[in-house]
Amino acid sequence: MRVGNLPGIRRLPVYLDILRKLRESGTETVSAHILAVEAGLLVSGVRKDLEMTGATGKTGVGFSIDSLVASIETFLGWDNPYQAFLAGAGNLGSALLGYEGFRNHGLHIVAAFDVNPGVIGRIVHDVKVWPLDELCGLAQRLHVNTGIITVPSSQAQSVADLFVTAGITRIWSFAPEILRVPSNVIVQREDLAAGLAELLVRSARRRVKI
């Protein structure tokens, strides 16, 4: 797999959404210029992002939408569906369980886990909530290697430790906590406070320019 720059990787799903809508409208080819206009980006940046996926276009024609979608999905690993566990079936966890878009990205959450007796045993958006202490056994039976953390910060590290014990090597964490994991485990932390801070700072800068 090619390794690209992180900002560019974050833009690829935006291109996929645009490409799928164009394909649904009957469009078969697209140029980097059109993608740039639709995404609100510079065309030079779009070309650079597409280059890292290995996609190739034709001069004067552009890219085949089907081929470009396939190149992006392969680069992101979304052409190979994978299963995941979710720990923390509260408000945020339940919202993620109900997000149908994950299936378009190859992610299938097959089980949720919690310690709350009032939640355990429930079916949330077609996903059963199991006791947290059954996570390791179920992970070994299903060979799951991706875990999602949506528990409070105080519980995040213990859940990460449990994921590691279960053999999970990819962790997507929504907890505002820096997790300590072995070097073979990859952690992607979604910091909602950081996102809010960036939004407010960018808004303030725009007002100053105006």
N, C-alpha and C. Protein backbone atom coordinates (compact mmCIF):
# COMPACT_ATOMS: atom_id res chain seq x y z
N MET A 1 0.84 -1.20 0.00
CA MET A 1 0.00 0.00 0.00
C MET A 1 0.86 1.24 0.00
N ARG A 2 0.54 2.20 -0.83
CA ARG A 2 1.26 3.46 -0.83
C ARG A 2 0.93 4.25 0.42
N VAL A 3 1.90 5.02 0.88
CA VAL A 3 1.67 5.86 2.06
C VAL A 3 1.62 7.31 1.60
N GLY A 4 0.51 7.99 1.89
CA GLY A 4 0.36 9.37 1.46
C GLY A 4 0.35 10.31 2.65
N ASN A 5 0.19 11.60 2.35
CA ASN A 5 0.13 12.58 3.44
C ASN A 5 -1.24 12.53 4.09
N LEU A 6 -1.27 12.75 5.39
CA LEU A 6 -2.51 12.61 6.15
C LEU A 6 -3.61 13.58 5.71
N PRO A 7 -3.30 14.88 5.48
CA PRO A 7 -4.36 15.77 5.00
C PRO A 7 -4.98 15.27 3.69
N GLY A 8 -4.13 14.78 2.80
CA GLY A 8 -4.63 14.25 1.53
C GLY A 8 -5.51 13.03 1.73
N ILE A 9 -5.11 12.16 2.66
CA ILE A 9 -5.91 10.97 2.94
C ILE A 9 -7.28 11.36 3.47
N ARG A 10 -7.33 12.40 4.31
CA ARG A 10 -8.61 12.86 4.85
C ARG A 10 -9.51 13.45 3.77
N ARG A 11 -8.91 13.92 2.67
CA ARG A 11 -9.72 14.50 1.59
C ARG A 11 -10.27 13.43 0.65
N LEU A 12 -9.67 12.26 0.61
CA LEU A 12 -10.10 11.23 -0.33
C LEU A 12 -11.57 10.83 -0.14
N PRO A 13 -12.08 10.68 1.08
CA PRO A 13 -13.51 10.37 1.22
C PRO A 13 -14.42 11.44 0.65
N VAL A 14 -13.95 12.70 0.68
CA VAL A 14 -14.74 13.79 0.09
C VAL A 14 -14.85 13.56 -1.42
N TYR A 15 -13.73 13.20 -2.04
CA TYR A 15 -13.75 12.93 -3.48
C TYR A 15 -14.68 11.75 -3.79
N LEU A 16 -14.63 10.73 -2.94
CA LEU A 16 -15.48 9.56 -3.17
C LEU A 16 -16.96 9.95 -3.16
N ASP A 17 -17.36 10.77 -2.22
CA ASP A 17 -18.76 11.20 -2.16
C ASP A 17 -19.15 11.93 -3.45
N ILE A 18 -18.27 12.80 -3.92
CA ILE A 18 -18.54 13.55 -5.15
C ILE A 18 -18.63 12.60 -6.34
N LEU A 19 -17.69 11.67 -6.41
CA LEU A 19 -17.65 10.73 -7.53
C LEU A 19 -18.89 9.84 -7.56
N ARG A 20 -19.33 9.39 -6.41
CA ARG A 20 -20.52 8.53 -6.36
C ARG A 20 -21.76 9.27 -6.81
N LYS A 21 -21.86 10.54 -6.43
CA LYS A 21 -23.01 11.34 -6.85
C LYS A 21 -22.97 11.58 -8.36
N LEU A 22 -21.78 11.84 -8.89
CA LEU A 22 -21.65 12.03 -10.33
C LEU A 22 -22.02 10.76 -11.08
N ARG A 23 -21.58 9.63 -10.54
CA ARG A 23 -21.88 8.35 -11.18
C ARG A 23 -23.38 8.07 -11.17
N GLU A 24 -24.03 8.40 -10.06
CA GLU A 24 -25.48 8.20 -9.97
C GLU A 24 -26.24 9.06 -10.98
N SER A 25 -25.63 10.20 -11.35
CA SER A 25 -26.28 11.09 -12.32
C SER A 25 -26.01 10.65 -13.76
N GLY A 26 -25.21 9.58 -13.92
CA GLY A 26 -24.92 9.07 -15.26
C GLY A 26 -23.60 9.53 -15.84
N THR A 27 -22.83 10.30 -15.10
CA THR A 27 -21.53 10.78 -15.58
C THR A 27 -20.51 9.65 -15.53
N GLU A 28 -19.68 9.53 -16.57
CA GLU A 28 -18.73 8.43 -16.65
C GLU A 28 -17.29 8.88 -16.44
N THR A 29 -16.99 10.15 -16.74
CA THR A 29 -15.62 10.65 -16.58
C THR A 29 -15.64 11.96 -15.81
N VAL A 30 -14.50 12.29 -15.22
CA VAL A 30 -14.41 13.52 -14.44
C VAL A 30 -12.98 14.04 -14.50
N SER A 31 -12.82 15.35 -14.45
CA SER A 31 -11.50 15.96 -14.45
C SER A 31 -11.13 16.37 -13.04
N ALA A 32 -9.84 16.57 -12.81
CA ALA A 32 -9.38 17.06 -11.52
C ALA A 32 -9.95 18.44 -11.25
N HIS A 33 -10.14 19.22 -12.30
CA HIS A 33 -10.69 20.56 -12.15
C HIS A 33 -12.12 20.51 -11.59
N ILE A 34 -12.94 19.61 -12.11
CA ILE A 34 -14.31 19.49 -11.63
C ILE A 34 -14.32 19.05 -10.16
N LEU A 35 -13.47 18.10 -9.82
CA LEU A 35 -13.38 17.64 -8.44
C LEU A 35 -12.97 18.79 -7.52
N ALA A 36 -12.03 19.60 -8.00
CA ALA A 36 -11.56 20.73 -7.21
C ALA A 36 -12.68 21.74 -6.96
N VAL A 37 -13.45 22.02 -8.00
CA VAL A 37 -14.56 22.97 -7.86
C VAL A 37 -15.60 22.43 -6.88
N GLU A 38 -15.95 21.15 -7.04
CA GLU A 38 -16.97 20.54 -6.17
C GLU A 38 -16.52 20.46 -4.72
N ALA A 39 -15.21 20.24 -4.52
CA ALA A 39 -14.68 20.08 -3.16
C ALA A 39 -14.24 21.40 -2.55
N GLY A 40 -14.19 22.47 -3.37
CA GLY A 40 -13.74 23.76 -2.88
C GLY A 40 -12.25 23.79 -2.59
N LEU A 41 -11.46 23.13 -3.46
CA LEU A 41 -10.02 23.02 -3.26
C LEU A 41 -9.28 23.48 -4.51
N LEU A 42 -7.96 23.62 -4.39
CA LEU A 42 -7.12 23.96 -5.53
C LEU A 42 -6.92 22.72 -6.40
N VAL A 43 -6.96 22.89 -7.70
CA VAL A 43 -6.83 21.75 -8.60
C VAL A 43 -5.47 21.08 -8.45
N SER A 44 -4.42 21.85 -8.15
CA SER A 44 -3.10 21.26 -7.97
C SER A 44 -3.08 20.30 -6.79
N GLY A 45 -3.79 20.67 -5.71
CA GLY A 45 -3.87 19.81 -4.54
C GLY A 45 -4.65 18.54 -4.83
N VAL A 46 -5.72 18.66 -5.61
CA VAL A 46 -6.52 17.49 -5.96
C VAL A 46 -5.69 16.52 -6.79
N ARG A 47 -4.95 17.04 -7.75
CA ARG A 47 -4.10 16.17 -8.58
C ARG A 47 -3.08 15.43 -7.73
N LYS A 48 -2.50 16.14 -6.76
CA LYS A 48 -1.51 15.51 -5.89
C LYS A 48 -2.14 14.42 -5.03
N ASP A 49 -3.35 14.69 -4.54
CA ASP A 49 -4.05 13.69 -3.73
C ASP A 49 -4.34 12.44 -4.55
N LEU A 50 -4.79 12.62 -5.78
CA LEU A 50 -5.15 11.48 -6.62
C LEU A 50 -3.92 10.68 -7.04
N GLU A 51 -2.80 11.37 -7.20
CA GLU A 51 -1.57 10.69 -7.60
C GLU A 51 -1.16 9.63 -6.59
N MET A 52 -1.37 9.90 -5.30
CA MET A 52 -0.91 8.94 -4.30
C MET A 52 -1.75 7.66 -4.31
N THR A 53 -2.91 7.68 -4.96
CA THR A 53 -3.72 6.47 -5.05
C THR A 53 -3.33 5.60 -6.24
N GLY A 54 -2.49 6.15 -7.12
CA GLY A 54 -2.09 5.42 -8.31
C GLY A 54 -3.05 5.58 -9.46
N ALA A 55 -4.07 6.42 -9.29
CA ALA A 55 -5.05 6.64 -10.36
C ALA A 55 -4.41 7.38 -11.52
N THR A 56 -4.79 7.01 -12.73
CA THR A 56 -4.27 7.67 -13.93
C THR A 56 -5.45 8.12 -14.81
N GLY A 57 -5.31 9.31 -15.35
CA GLY A 57 -6.33 9.83 -16.24
C GLY A 57 -5.77 10.01 -17.65
N LYS A 58 -6.62 10.44 -18.57
CA LYS A 58 -6.23 10.67 -19.95
C LYS A 58 -6.33 12.15 -20.27
N THR A 59 -5.31 12.66 -20.94
CA THR A 59 -5.29 14.07 -21.31
C THR A 59 -6.51 14.41 -22.17
N GLY A 60 -7.21 15.44 -21.79
CA GLY A 60 -8.38 15.87 -22.54
C GLY A 60 -9.64 15.09 -22.22
N VAL A 61 -9.51 14.03 -21.45
CA VAL A 61 -10.68 13.20 -21.10
C VAL A 61 -10.92 13.21 -19.60
N GLY A 62 -9.84 13.08 -18.85
CA GLY A 62 -9.97 13.03 -17.40
C GLY A 62 -9.88 11.61 -16.88
N PHE A 63 -10.53 11.35 -15.78
CA PHE A 63 -10.50 10.04 -15.15
C PHE A 63 -11.81 9.31 -15.37
N SER A 64 -11.71 8.01 -15.59
CA SER A 64 -12.91 7.18 -15.55
C SER A 64 -13.38 7.15 -14.10
N ILE A 65 -14.64 7.50 -13.87
CA ILE A 65 -15.15 7.56 -12.51
C ILE A 65 -15.08 6.18 -11.84
N ASP A 66 -15.45 5.13 -12.57
CA ASP A 66 -15.40 3.79 -12.00
C ASP A 66 -13.97 3.42 -11.57
N SER A 67 -13.01 3.72 -12.44
CA SER A 67 -11.61 3.39 -12.13
C SER A 67 -11.09 4.24 -10.97
N LEU A 68 -11.49 5.51 -10.94
CA LEU A 68 -11.02 6.40 -9.88
C LEU A 68 -11.60 5.98 -8.54
N VAL A 69 -12.87 5.63 -8.52
CA VAL A 69 -13.49 5.14 -7.28
C VAL A 69 -12.77 3.89 -6.79
N ALA A 70 -12.49 2.98 -7.71
CA ALA A 70 -11.80 1.74 -7.35
C ALA A 70 -10.41 2.02 -6.80
N SER A 71 -9.69 2.95 -7.42
CA SER A 71 -8.34 3.29 -6.97
C SER A 71 -8.35 3.87 -5.56
N ILE A 72 -9.29 4.78 -5.30
CA ILE A 72 -9.37 5.40 -3.98
C ILE A 72 -9.77 4.38 -2.93
N GLU A 73 -10.77 3.54 -3.24
CA GLU A 73 -11.22 2.54 -2.28
C GLU A 73 -10.13 1.53 -1.96
N THR A 74 -9.36 1.15 -2.98
CA THR A 74 -8.26 0.21 -2.76
C THR A 74 -7.17 0.84 -1.91
N PHE A 75 -6.84 2.10 -2.20
CA PHE A 75 -5.82 2.80 -1.42
C PHE A 75 -6.22 2.91 0.05
N LEU A 76 -7.49 3.21 0.29
CA LEU A 76 -7.98 3.37 1.67
C LEU A 76 -8.27 2.03 2.35
N GLY A 77 -8.28 0.95 1.57
CA GLY A 77 -8.60 -0.35 2.15
C GLY A 77 -10.08 -0.59 2.30
N TRP A 78 -10.88 0.22 1.62
CA TRP A 78 -12.33 0.11 1.75
C TRP A 78 -12.92 -0.92 0.79
N ASP A 79 -12.09 -1.52 -0.04
CA ASP A 79 -12.57 -2.55 -0.96
C ASP A 79 -12.54 -3.92 -0.29
N ASN A 80 -12.03 -3.98 0.94
CA ASN A 80 -11.91 -5.25 1.66
C ASN A 80 -12.62 -5.11 3.01
N PRO A 81 -13.91 -5.46 3.08
CA PRO A 81 -14.69 -5.26 4.30
C PRO A 81 -14.02 -5.89 5.53
N TYR A 82 -14.11 -5.20 6.66
CA TYR A 82 -13.53 -5.72 7.89
C TYR A 82 -14.48 -5.48 9.05
N GLN A 83 -14.36 -6.34 10.05
CA GLN A 83 -15.25 -6.29 11.20
C GLN A 83 -14.61 -5.55 12.35
N ALA A 84 -15.46 -4.96 13.18
CA ALA A 84 -14.96 -4.18 14.32
C ALA A 84 -15.86 -4.37 15.53
N PHE A 85 -15.27 -4.16 16.71
CA PHE A 85 -16.01 -4.11 17.96
C PHE A 85 -16.10 -2.67 18.42
N LEU A 86 -17.17 -2.35 19.13
CA LEU A 86 -17.33 -1.02 19.72
C LEU A 86 -17.52 -1.17 21.22
N ALA A 87 -16.71 -0.45 21.99
CA ALA A 87 -16.82 -0.48 23.44
C ALA A 87 -17.39 0.84 23.94
N GLY A 88 -18.58 0.77 24.54
CA GLY A 88 -19.24 1.97 25.04
C GLY A 88 -20.51 2.24 24.25
N ALA A 89 -21.62 1.64 24.69
CA ALA A 89 -22.88 1.76 23.95
C ALA A 89 -23.76 2.88 24.49
N GLY A 90 -23.14 3.99 24.88
CA GLY A 90 -23.89 5.15 25.35
C GLY A 90 -24.38 5.98 24.18
N ASN A 91 -24.54 7.28 24.38
CA ASN A 91 -25.08 8.14 23.34
C ASN A 91 -24.21 8.17 22.08
N LEU A 92 -22.90 8.40 22.25
CA LEU A 92 -22.01 8.47 21.09
C LEU A 92 -21.88 7.10 20.44
N GLY A 93 -21.69 6.07 21.26
CA GLY A 93 -21.56 4.73 20.71
C GLY A 93 -22.79 4.32 19.93
N SER A 94 -23.96 4.61 20.47
CA SER A 94 -25.20 4.26 19.79
C SER A 94 -25.33 5.01 18.46
N ALA A 95 -24.90 6.26 18.45
CA ALA A 95 -24.96 7.04 17.22
C ALA A 95 -24.06 6.43 16.15
N LEU A 96 -22.87 5.98 16.55
CA LEU A 96 -21.96 5.35 15.59
C LEU A 96 -22.53 4.03 15.09
N LEU A 97 -23.17 3.28 15.98
CA LEU A 97 -23.77 2.02 15.56
C LEU A 97 -24.86 2.25 14.51
N GLY A 98 -25.50 3.41 14.58
CA GLY A 98 -26.57 3.71 13.65
C GLY A 98 -26.14 4.39 12.37
N TYR A 99 -24.84 4.65 12.25
CA TYR A 99 -24.35 5.34 11.05
C TYR A 99 -24.17 4.35 9.91
N GLU A 100 -25.06 4.39 8.94
CA GLU A 100 -25.04 3.43 7.84
C GLU A 100 -23.88 3.64 6.88
N GLY A 101 -23.28 4.84 6.91
CA GLY A 101 -22.19 5.13 5.98
C GLY A 101 -20.96 4.27 6.18
N PHE A 102 -20.80 3.69 7.39
CA PHE A 102 -19.62 2.85 7.63
C PHE A 102 -19.55 1.68 6.66
N ARG A 103 -20.69 1.13 6.31
CA ARG A 103 -20.68 -0.02 5.40
C ARG A 103 -20.13 0.36 4.03
N ASN A 104 -20.34 1.61 3.62
CA ASN A 104 -19.78 2.07 2.35
C ASN A 104 -18.27 2.16 2.42
N HIS A 105 -17.74 2.21 3.64
CA HIS A 105 -16.30 2.33 3.83
C HIS A 105 -15.67 1.01 4.26
N GLY A 106 -16.42 -0.08 4.15
CA GLY A 106 -15.87 -1.40 4.46
C GLY A 106 -15.91 -1.77 5.93
N LEU A 107 -16.46 -0.90 6.79
CA LEU A 107 -16.47 -1.15 8.23
C LEU A 107 -17.81 -1.74 8.66
N HIS A 108 -17.74 -2.87 9.33
CA HIS A 108 -18.95 -3.54 9.82
C HIS A 108 -18.78 -3.78 11.32
N ILE A 109 -19.51 -3.03 12.13
CA ILE A 109 -19.46 -3.21 13.58
C ILE A 109 -20.33 -4.40 13.94
N VAL A 110 -19.71 -5.49 14.38
CA VAL A 110 -20.43 -6.74 14.58
C VAL A 110 -20.88 -6.94 16.02
N ALA A 111 -20.31 -6.20 16.96
CA ALA A 111 -20.71 -6.34 18.37
C ALA A 111 -20.33 -5.09 19.15
N ALA A 112 -21.16 -4.78 20.14
CA ALA A 112 -20.87 -3.66 21.04
C ALA A 112 -20.73 -4.22 22.45
N PHE A 113 -20.03 -3.48 23.30
CA PHE A 113 -19.77 -3.94 24.66
C PHE A 113 -19.96 -2.80 25.65
N ASP A 114 -20.42 -3.16 26.84
CA ASP A 114 -20.65 -2.15 27.87
C ASP A 114 -20.64 -2.84 29.24
N VAL A 115 -20.58 -2.02 30.29
CA VAL A 115 -20.62 -2.55 31.65
C VAL A 115 -21.94 -2.21 32.34
N ASN A 116 -22.77 -1.45 31.67
CA ASN A 116 -24.05 -1.03 32.22
C ASN A 116 -25.08 -2.14 32.08
N PRO A 117 -25.57 -2.70 33.19
CA PRO A 117 -26.56 -3.78 33.11
C PRO A 117 -27.83 -3.38 32.36
N GLY A 118 -28.12 -2.08 32.37
CA GLY A 118 -29.32 -1.63 31.68
C GLY A 118 -29.17 -1.61 30.17
N VAL A 119 -27.95 -1.73 29.71
CA VAL A 119 -27.68 -1.71 28.26
C VAL A 119 -27.34 -3.09 27.73
N ILE A 120 -26.66 -3.88 28.54
CA ILE A 120 -26.22 -5.21 28.13
C ILE A 120 -27.42 -6.07 27.72
N GLY A 121 -27.30 -6.72 26.59
CA GLY A 121 -28.36 -7.59 26.08
C GLY A 121 -29.29 -6.90 25.11
N ARG A 122 -29.23 -5.57 25.05
CA ARG A 122 -30.07 -4.83 24.12
C ARG A 122 -29.53 -4.95 22.69
N ILE A 123 -30.41 -4.72 21.74
CA ILE A 123 -30.03 -4.66 20.33
C ILE A 123 -30.09 -3.19 19.92
N VAL A 124 -28.96 -2.62 19.59
CA VAL A 124 -28.89 -1.21 19.19
C VAL A 124 -28.54 -1.14 17.71
N HIS A 125 -29.48 -0.69 16.92
CA HIS A 125 -29.28 -0.61 15.46
C HIS A 125 -28.77 -1.95 14.92
N ASP A 126 -29.46 -3.01 15.29
CA ASP A 126 -29.17 -4.38 14.82
C ASP A 126 -27.87 -4.96 15.36
N VAL A 127 -27.26 -4.31 16.33
CA VAL A 127 -26.01 -4.82 16.92
C VAL A 127 -26.26 -5.13 18.39
N LYS A 128 -25.90 -6.33 18.81
CA LYS A 128 -26.12 -6.75 20.19
C LYS A 128 -25.05 -6.15 21.10
N VAL A 129 -25.46 -5.74 22.30
CA VAL A 129 -24.54 -5.22 23.31
C VAL A 129 -24.20 -6.35 24.28
N TRP A 130 -22.90 -6.66 24.36
CA TRP A 130 -22.41 -7.75 25.20
C TRP A 130 -21.75 -7.19 26.46
N PRO A 131 -21.61 -8.03 27.49
CA PRO A 131 -20.83 -7.62 28.67
C PRO A 131 -19.38 -7.42 28.26
N LEU A 132 -18.73 -6.41 28.79
CA LEU A 132 -17.36 -6.10 28.41
C LEU A 132 -16.41 -7.26 28.67
N ASP A 133 -16.67 -8.04 29.71
CA ASP A 133 -15.75 -9.12 30.03
C ASP A 133 -15.83 -10.30 29.06
N GLU A 134 -16.74 -10.23 28.09
CA GLU A 134 -16.81 -11.28 27.06
C GLU A 134 -16.10 -10.86 25.78
N LEU A 135 -15.49 -9.68 25.79
CA LEU A 135 -14.88 -9.15 24.57
C LEU A 135 -13.75 -10.03 24.05
N CYS A 136 -12.84 -10.43 24.92
CA CYS A 136 -11.67 -11.20 24.47
C CYS A 136 -12.07 -12.51 23.81
N GLY A 137 -12.97 -13.24 24.46
CA GLY A 137 -13.39 -14.52 23.90
C GLY A 137 -14.06 -14.37 22.55
N LEU A 138 -14.91 -13.35 22.42
CA LEU A 138 -15.62 -13.14 21.16
C LEU A 138 -14.66 -12.68 20.07
N ALA A 139 -13.67 -11.87 20.44
CA ALA A 139 -12.69 -11.40 19.45
C ALA A 139 -11.89 -12.56 18.88
N GLN A 140 -11.53 -13.50 19.72
CA GLN A 140 -10.76 -14.65 19.27
C GLN A 140 -11.58 -15.56 18.37
N ARG A 141 -12.88 -15.67 18.67
CA ARG A 141 -13.74 -16.53 17.84
C ARG A 141 -14.01 -15.90 16.49
N LEU A 142 -14.18 -14.57 16.47
CA LEU A 142 -14.53 -13.88 15.22
C LEU A 142 -13.31 -13.32 14.48
N HIS A 143 -12.13 -13.39 15.12
CA HIS A 143 -10.89 -12.88 14.52
C HIS A 143 -11.01 -11.39 14.16
N VAL A 144 -11.58 -10.62 15.07
CA VAL A 144 -11.72 -9.18 14.88
C VAL A 144 -10.44 -8.48 15.30
N ASN A 145 -9.95 -7.53 14.48
CA ASN A 145 -8.71 -6.82 14.84
C ASN A 145 -8.85 -5.31 14.87
N THR A 146 -10.12 -4.82 14.84
CA THR A 146 -10.36 -3.38 14.91
C THR A 146 -11.32 -3.08 16.06
N GLY A 147 -10.96 -2.09 16.88
CA GLY A 147 -11.80 -1.72 18.01
C GLY A 147 -12.09 -0.24 18.03
N ILE A 148 -13.29 0.12 18.43
CA ILE A 148 -13.72 1.52 18.52
C ILE A 148 -14.03 1.82 19.99
N ILE A 149 -13.44 2.90 20.50
CA ILE A 149 -13.63 3.27 21.90
C ILE A 149 -14.52 4.51 22.00
N THR A 150 -15.65 4.35 22.68
CA THR A 150 -16.56 5.49 22.90
C THR A 150 -16.96 5.54 24.38
N VAL A 151 -16.04 5.17 25.24
CA VAL A 151 -16.29 5.21 26.68
C VAL A 151 -15.75 6.52 27.25
N PRO A 152 -16.12 6.87 28.49
CA PRO A 152 -15.55 8.07 29.11
C PRO A 152 -14.04 7.98 29.24
N SER A 153 -13.41 9.13 29.34
CA SER A 153 -11.95 9.21 29.40
C SER A 153 -11.37 8.33 30.50
N SER A 154 -12.03 8.27 31.63
CA SER A 154 -11.50 7.52 32.77
C SER A 154 -11.44 6.02 32.52
N GLN A 155 -12.20 5.53 31.54
CA GLN A 155 -12.24 4.11 31.24
C GLN A 155 -11.49 3.75 29.96
N ALA A 156 -11.03 4.76 29.23
CA ALA A 156 -10.46 4.53 27.91
C ALA A 156 -9.21 3.64 27.95
N GLN A 157 -8.29 3.90 28.87
CA GLN A 157 -7.06 3.12 28.89
C GLN A 157 -7.33 1.65 29.23
N SER A 158 -8.22 1.39 30.18
CA SER A 158 -8.52 0.00 30.53
C SER A 158 -9.17 -0.73 29.36
N VAL A 159 -10.01 -0.03 28.59
CA VAL A 159 -10.62 -0.64 27.42
C VAL A 159 -9.56 -0.90 26.35
N ALA A 160 -8.64 0.06 26.17
CA ALA A 160 -7.56 -0.13 25.21
C ALA A 160 -6.72 -1.34 25.60
N ASP A 161 -6.43 -1.49 26.89
CA ASP A 161 -5.67 -2.65 27.37
C ASP A 161 -6.41 -3.94 27.05
N LEU A 162 -7.73 -3.92 27.22
CA LEU A 162 -8.53 -5.11 26.93
C LEU A 162 -8.51 -5.42 25.43
N PHE A 163 -8.58 -4.39 24.61
CA PHE A 163 -8.48 -4.59 23.16
C PHE A 163 -7.15 -5.25 22.80
N VAL A 164 -6.07 -4.74 23.37
CA VAL A 164 -4.74 -5.28 23.08
C VAL A 164 -4.67 -6.75 23.51
N THR A 165 -5.18 -7.06 24.68
CA THR A 165 -5.20 -8.45 25.16
C THR A 165 -5.99 -9.35 24.21
N ALA A 166 -7.04 -8.78 23.61
CA ALA A 166 -7.89 -9.54 22.70
C ALA A 166 -7.26 -9.72 21.32
N GLY A 167 -6.10 -9.09 21.09
CA GLY A 167 -5.44 -9.22 19.80
C GLY A 167 -5.82 -8.16 18.80
N ILE A 168 -6.52 -7.13 19.25
CA ILE A 168 -6.91 -6.04 18.36
C ILE A 168 -5.72 -5.11 18.15
N THR A 169 -5.42 -4.82 16.89
CA THR A 169 -4.24 -4.03 16.56
C THR A 169 -4.56 -2.67 15.96
N ARG A 170 -5.85 -2.39 15.75
CA ARG A 170 -6.26 -1.07 15.23
C ARG A 170 -7.34 -0.52 16.15
N ILE A 171 -7.07 0.65 16.74
CA ILE A 171 -8.01 1.25 17.68
C ILE A 171 -8.39 2.64 17.21
N TRP A 172 -9.68 2.87 17.12
CA TRP A 172 -10.22 4.18 16.75
C TRP A 172 -10.88 4.72 18.01
N SER A 173 -10.27 5.74 18.60
CA SER A 173 -10.72 6.21 19.91
C SER A 173 -11.38 7.59 19.82
N PHE A 174 -12.56 7.70 20.44
CA PHE A 174 -13.26 8.96 20.55
C PHE A 174 -13.17 9.52 21.96
N ALA A 175 -12.33 8.92 22.77
CA ALA A 175 -12.15 9.38 24.15
C ALA A 175 -11.03 10.41 24.20
N PRO A 176 -11.20 11.50 24.95
CA PRO A 176 -10.17 12.54 25.05
C PRO A 176 -9.03 12.10 25.97
N GLU A 177 -8.36 11.06 25.57
CA GLU A 177 -7.30 10.48 26.40
C GLU A 177 -6.20 9.95 25.49
N ILE A 178 -4.96 10.24 25.81
CA ILE A 178 -3.83 9.69 25.06
C ILE A 178 -3.59 8.27 25.56
N LEU A 179 -3.75 7.30 24.69
CA LEU A 179 -3.67 5.90 25.08
C LEU A 179 -2.26 5.34 24.96
N ARG A 180 -1.88 4.51 25.89
CA ARG A 180 -0.58 3.84 25.87
C ARG A 180 -0.80 2.41 25.38
N VAL A 181 -0.22 2.12 24.22
CA VAL A 181 -0.38 0.80 23.61
C VAL A 181 0.96 0.30 23.09
N PRO A 182 1.10 -1.00 22.85
CA PRO A 182 2.34 -1.54 22.27
C PRO A 182 2.60 -0.96 20.88
N SER A 183 3.83 -1.07 20.43
CA SER A 183 4.23 -0.47 19.15
C SER A 183 3.54 -1.09 17.95
N ASN A 184 3.03 -2.30 18.10
CA ASN A 184 2.36 -2.95 16.97
C ASN A 184 0.89 -2.58 16.85
N VAL A 185 0.40 -1.73 17.76
CA VAL A 185 -1.01 -1.32 17.75
C VAL A 185 -1.11 0.12 17.26
N ILE A 186 -1.99 0.35 16.30
CA ILE A 186 -2.19 1.69 15.74
C ILE A 186 -3.42 2.32 16.38
N VAL A 187 -3.27 3.55 16.84
CA VAL A 187 -4.38 4.28 17.46
C VAL A 187 -4.68 5.54 16.66
N GLN A 188 -5.92 5.71 16.30
CA GLN A 188 -6.39 6.95 15.68
C GLN A 188 -7.33 7.61 16.68
N ARG A 189 -6.92 8.79 17.19
CA ARG A 189 -7.73 9.47 18.20
C ARG A 189 -8.48 10.64 17.59
N GLU A 190 -9.78 10.63 17.75
CA GLU A 190 -10.62 11.73 17.28
C GLU A 190 -10.84 12.68 18.45
N ASP A 191 -10.18 13.81 18.40
CA ASP A 191 -10.27 14.79 19.49
C ASP A 191 -11.33 15.83 19.14
N LEU A 192 -12.53 15.69 19.70
CA LEU A 192 -13.62 16.60 19.37
C LEU A 192 -13.33 18.02 19.85
N ALA A 193 -12.62 18.14 20.98
CA ALA A 193 -12.27 19.47 21.49
C ALA A 193 -11.33 20.18 20.53
N ALA A 194 -10.39 19.43 19.96
CA ALA A 194 -9.45 20.01 19.01
C ALA A 194 -10.18 20.47 17.75
N GLY A 195 -11.14 19.67 17.31
CA GLY A 195 -11.92 20.07 16.14
C GLY A 195 -12.71 21.33 16.39
N LEU A 196 -13.31 21.44 17.58
CA LEU A 196 -14.06 22.64 17.93
C LEU A 196 -13.14 23.85 18.01
N ALA A 197 -11.95 23.67 18.60
CA ALA A 197 -10.99 24.76 18.71
C ALA A 197 -10.59 25.27 17.32
N GLU A 198 -10.33 24.34 16.41
CA GLU A 198 -9.95 24.73 15.05
C GLU A 198 -11.07 25.50 14.36
N LEU A 199 -12.31 25.04 14.55
CA LEU A 199 -13.46 25.72 13.96
C LEU A 199 -13.55 27.16 14.45
N LEU A 200 -13.42 27.36 15.75
CA LEU A 200 -13.56 28.69 16.32
C LEU A 200 -12.43 29.62 15.90
N VAL A 201 -11.20 29.08 15.87
CA VAL A 201 -10.05 29.90 15.46
C VAL A 201 -10.18 30.31 13.99
N ARG A 202 -10.57 29.36 13.14
CA ARG A 202 -10.73 29.69 11.72
C ARG A 202 -11.83 30.72 11.53
N SER A 203 -12.90 30.60 12.31
CA SER A 203 -13.99 31.56 12.22
C SER A 203 -13.52 32.95 12.65
N ALA A 204 -12.73 33.01 13.71
CA ALA A 204 -12.22 34.30 14.20
C ALA A 204 -11.29 34.94 13.18
N ARG A 205 -10.45 34.13 12.55
CA ARG A 205 -9.53 34.66 11.55
C ARG A 205 -10.27 35.22 10.35
N ARG A 206 -11.34 34.53 9.97
CA ARG A 206 -12.13 35.00 8.82
C ARG A 206 -12.78 36.35 9.13
N ARG A 207 -13.27 36.51 10.35
CA ARG A 207 -13.89 37.78 10.72
C ARG A 207 -12.87 38.92 10.72
N VAL A 208 -11.62 38.60 11.13
CA VAL A 208 -10.58 39.62 11.12
C VAL A 208 -10.27 40.06 9.70
N LYS A 209 -10.22 39.10 8.77
CA LYS A 209 -9.93 39.43 7.36
C LYS A 209 -11.03 40.29 6.75
N ILE A 210 -12.27 39.98 7.14
CA ILE A 210 -13.39 40.75 6.61
C ILE A 210 -13.34 42.20 7.15
